[in-house]
Amino acid sequence: MRKADMKRYEKLLLEKRREIVEGIDSLRKDTTSTIKESTGDLSSYSYHMADLGTDAQEREKKFQLASKSQRFVHHIDEALRRIKDGTYGKCHSCGKDVSRARLTAVPHARLCIECKEKEEKTKARRK
């Protein structure tokens, strides 16, 4: 792969990483607030159990989204590492070049489309 292409993919990966990290930071801020803080109510009266349950459910959803986003950041970091060591754009399974179309759509891809399809079929059969 040409250096100009590598730079373009690196820029794309860094931009995606920045966006995701900002989203994670926003989720963390939202998750740390309490019902009283989010509603602006500073009274000492307790809330209805349903309100507390809804708040706990919303926090759990935000936690799961942040966790998934952190895994995505890991995949992006791995792609950036591959750019630096010169293995970016090569399929981890068969060693062939990953298509530019695939890298543009999924810049953190580590498998070519054929190997990815095989992987997904194998996972589907196991379930």
Protein backbone atom coordinates (compact mmCIF):
# COMPACT_ATOMS: atom_id res chain seq x y z
CA MET A 1 0.00 0.00 0.00
CA ARG A 2 1.24 3.46 -0.84
CA LYS A 3 2.31 5.86 1.90
CA ALA A 4 -0.32 8.40 0.79
CA ASP A 5 -3.03 5.78 1.29
CA MET A 6 -1.62 4.85 4.70
CA LYS A 7 -1.71 8.51 5.76
CA ARG A 8 -5.31 8.83 4.56
CA TYR A 9 -6.41 5.76 6.54
CA GLU A 10 -4.43 6.89 9.58
CA LYS A 11 -6.18 10.26 9.48
CA LEU A 12 -9.56 8.55 9.13
CA LEU A 13 -8.83 6.22 12.07
CA LEU A 14 -7.63 9.07 14.29
CA GLU A 15 -10.77 11.08 13.53
CA LYS A 16 -13.03 8.10 14.35
CA ARG A 17 -11.06 7.49 17.54
CA ARG A 18 -11.46 11.12 18.62
CA GLU A 19 -15.23 11.01 18.02
CA ILE A 20 -15.65 7.80 19.99
CA VAL A 21 -13.53 8.98 22.92
CA GLU A 22 -15.60 12.18 23.09
CA GLY A 23 -18.76 10.05 23.13
CA ILE A 24 -17.37 7.87 25.91
CA ASP A 25 -16.49 10.95 27.95
CA SER A 26 -20.02 12.28 27.46
CA LEU A 27 -21.52 8.94 28.55
CA ARG A 28 -19.33 8.92 31.66
CA LYS A 29 -20.49 12.39 32.63
CA ASP A 30 -24.13 11.41 32.12
CA THR A 31 -23.71 8.19 34.07
CA THR A 32 -22.19 9.85 37.11
CA SER A 33 -25.14 12.19 37.65
CA THR A 34 -27.88 11.22 40.09
CA ILE A 35 -31.65 11.60 39.71
CA LYS A 36 -31.57 14.69 41.91
CA GLU A 37 -28.82 16.26 39.82
CA SER A 38 -30.48 15.44 36.51
CA THR A 39 -33.90 16.79 37.56
CA GLY A 40 -32.59 19.75 39.50
CA ASP A 41 -34.60 18.68 42.55
CA LEU A 42 -32.62 19.26 45.72
CA SER A 43 -35.27 18.15 48.20
CA SER A 44 -34.52 15.33 50.60
CA TYR A 45 -37.68 13.34 49.72
CA SER A 46 -37.06 9.89 48.33
CA TYR A 47 -38.16 9.04 44.82
CA HIS A 48 -40.63 6.42 43.76
CA MET A 49 -39.12 2.97 43.28
CA ALA A 50 -40.08 3.01 39.59
CA ASP A 51 -38.08 6.22 39.08
CA LEU A 52 -35.07 4.63 40.74
CA GLY A 53 -35.45 1.52 38.58
CA THR A 54 -35.66 3.56 35.40
CA ASP A 55 -32.57 5.51 36.41
CA ALA A 56 -30.67 2.29 37.09
CA GLN A 57 -31.74 0.86 33.73
CA GLU A 58 -30.60 3.98 31.89
CA ARG A 59 -27.25 3.88 33.66
CA GLU A 60 -26.80 0.24 32.68
CA LYS A 61 -27.53 1.01 29.01
CA LYS A 62 -25.02 3.86 29.06
CA PHE A 63 -22.44 1.61 30.70
CA GLN A 64 -22.93 -1.07 28.03
CA LEU A 65 -22.63 1.51 25.25
CA ALA A 66 -19.43 2.90 26.78
CA SER A 67 -18.02 -0.61 27.09
CA LYS A 68 -18.76 -1.38 23.44
CA SER A 69 -17.24 1.95 22.41
CA GLN A 70 -14.06 1.16 24.38
CA ARG A 71 -13.73 -2.14 22.49
CA PHE A 72 -14.08 -0.19 19.24
CA VAL A 73 -11.31 2.18 20.35
CA HIS A 74 -9.13 -0.89 21.00
CA HIS A 75 -9.72 -2.10 17.42
CA ILE A 76 -8.84 1.34 16.08
CA ASP A 77 -5.67 1.42 18.19
CA GLU A 78 -4.71 -1.99 16.79
CA ALA A 79 -5.22 -0.69 13.24
CA LEU A 80 -3.04 2.34 14.02
CA ARG A 81 -0.37 -0.03 15.36
CA ARG A 82 -0.54 -2.02 12.11
CA ILE A 83 -0.04 1.20 10.14
CA LYS A 84 3.09 1.93 12.13
CA ASP A 85 4.54 -1.57 11.74
CA GLY A 86 3.63 -1.80 8.04
CA THR A 87 1.11 -4.64 8.24
CA TYR A 88 -2.01 -2.51 7.75
CA GLY A 89 -4.13 -3.57 4.80
CA LYS A 90 -3.03 -7.21 4.92
CA CYS A 91 -5.50 -9.91 5.92
CA HIS A 92 -4.55 -11.60 9.19
CA SER A 93 -5.94 -14.89 7.98
CA CYS A 94 -4.83 -15.35 4.35
CA GLY A 95 -2.23 -12.60 3.97
CA LYS A 96 -3.85 -11.07 0.88
CA ASP A 97 -4.46 -7.34 0.54
CA VAL A 98 -7.69 -6.06 2.09
CA SER A 99 -9.59 -4.12 -0.59
CA ARG A 100 -9.55 -0.34 -0.48
CA ALA A 101 -13.35 -0.34 -0.55
CA ARG A 102 -13.41 -2.47 2.61
CA LEU A 103 -10.79 -0.32 4.35
CA THR A 104 -12.73 2.81 3.48
CA ALA A 105 -15.94 1.32 4.90
CA VAL A 106 -14.25 -0.39 7.87
CA PRO A 107 -10.82 1.21 8.33
CA HIS A 108 -10.01 -0.97 11.35
CA ALA A 109 -10.64 -4.19 9.37
CA ARG A 110 -8.08 -6.91 9.94
CA LEU A 111 -9.60 -9.48 7.57
CA CYS A 112 -10.39 -9.35 3.87
CA ILE A 113 -14.07 -9.68 2.99
CA GLU A 114 -13.76 -13.37 2.06
CA CYS A 115 -12.09 -14.33 5.35
CA LYS A 116 -14.56 -12.19 7.32
CA GLU A 117 -17.48 -13.99 5.67
CA LYS A 118 -15.92 -17.35 6.54
CA GLU A 119 -15.44 -16.21 10.14
CA GLU A 120 -19.07 -15.09 10.43
CA LYS A 121 -20.37 -18.35 8.92
CA THR A 122 -18.28 -20.33 11.39
CA LYS A 123 -19.63 -18.29 14.30
CA ALA A 124 -23.21 -18.74 13.04
CA ARG A 125 -22.78 -22.52 12.82
CA ARG A 126 -21.50 -22.66 16.41
CA LYS A 127 -24.64 -20.98 17.70
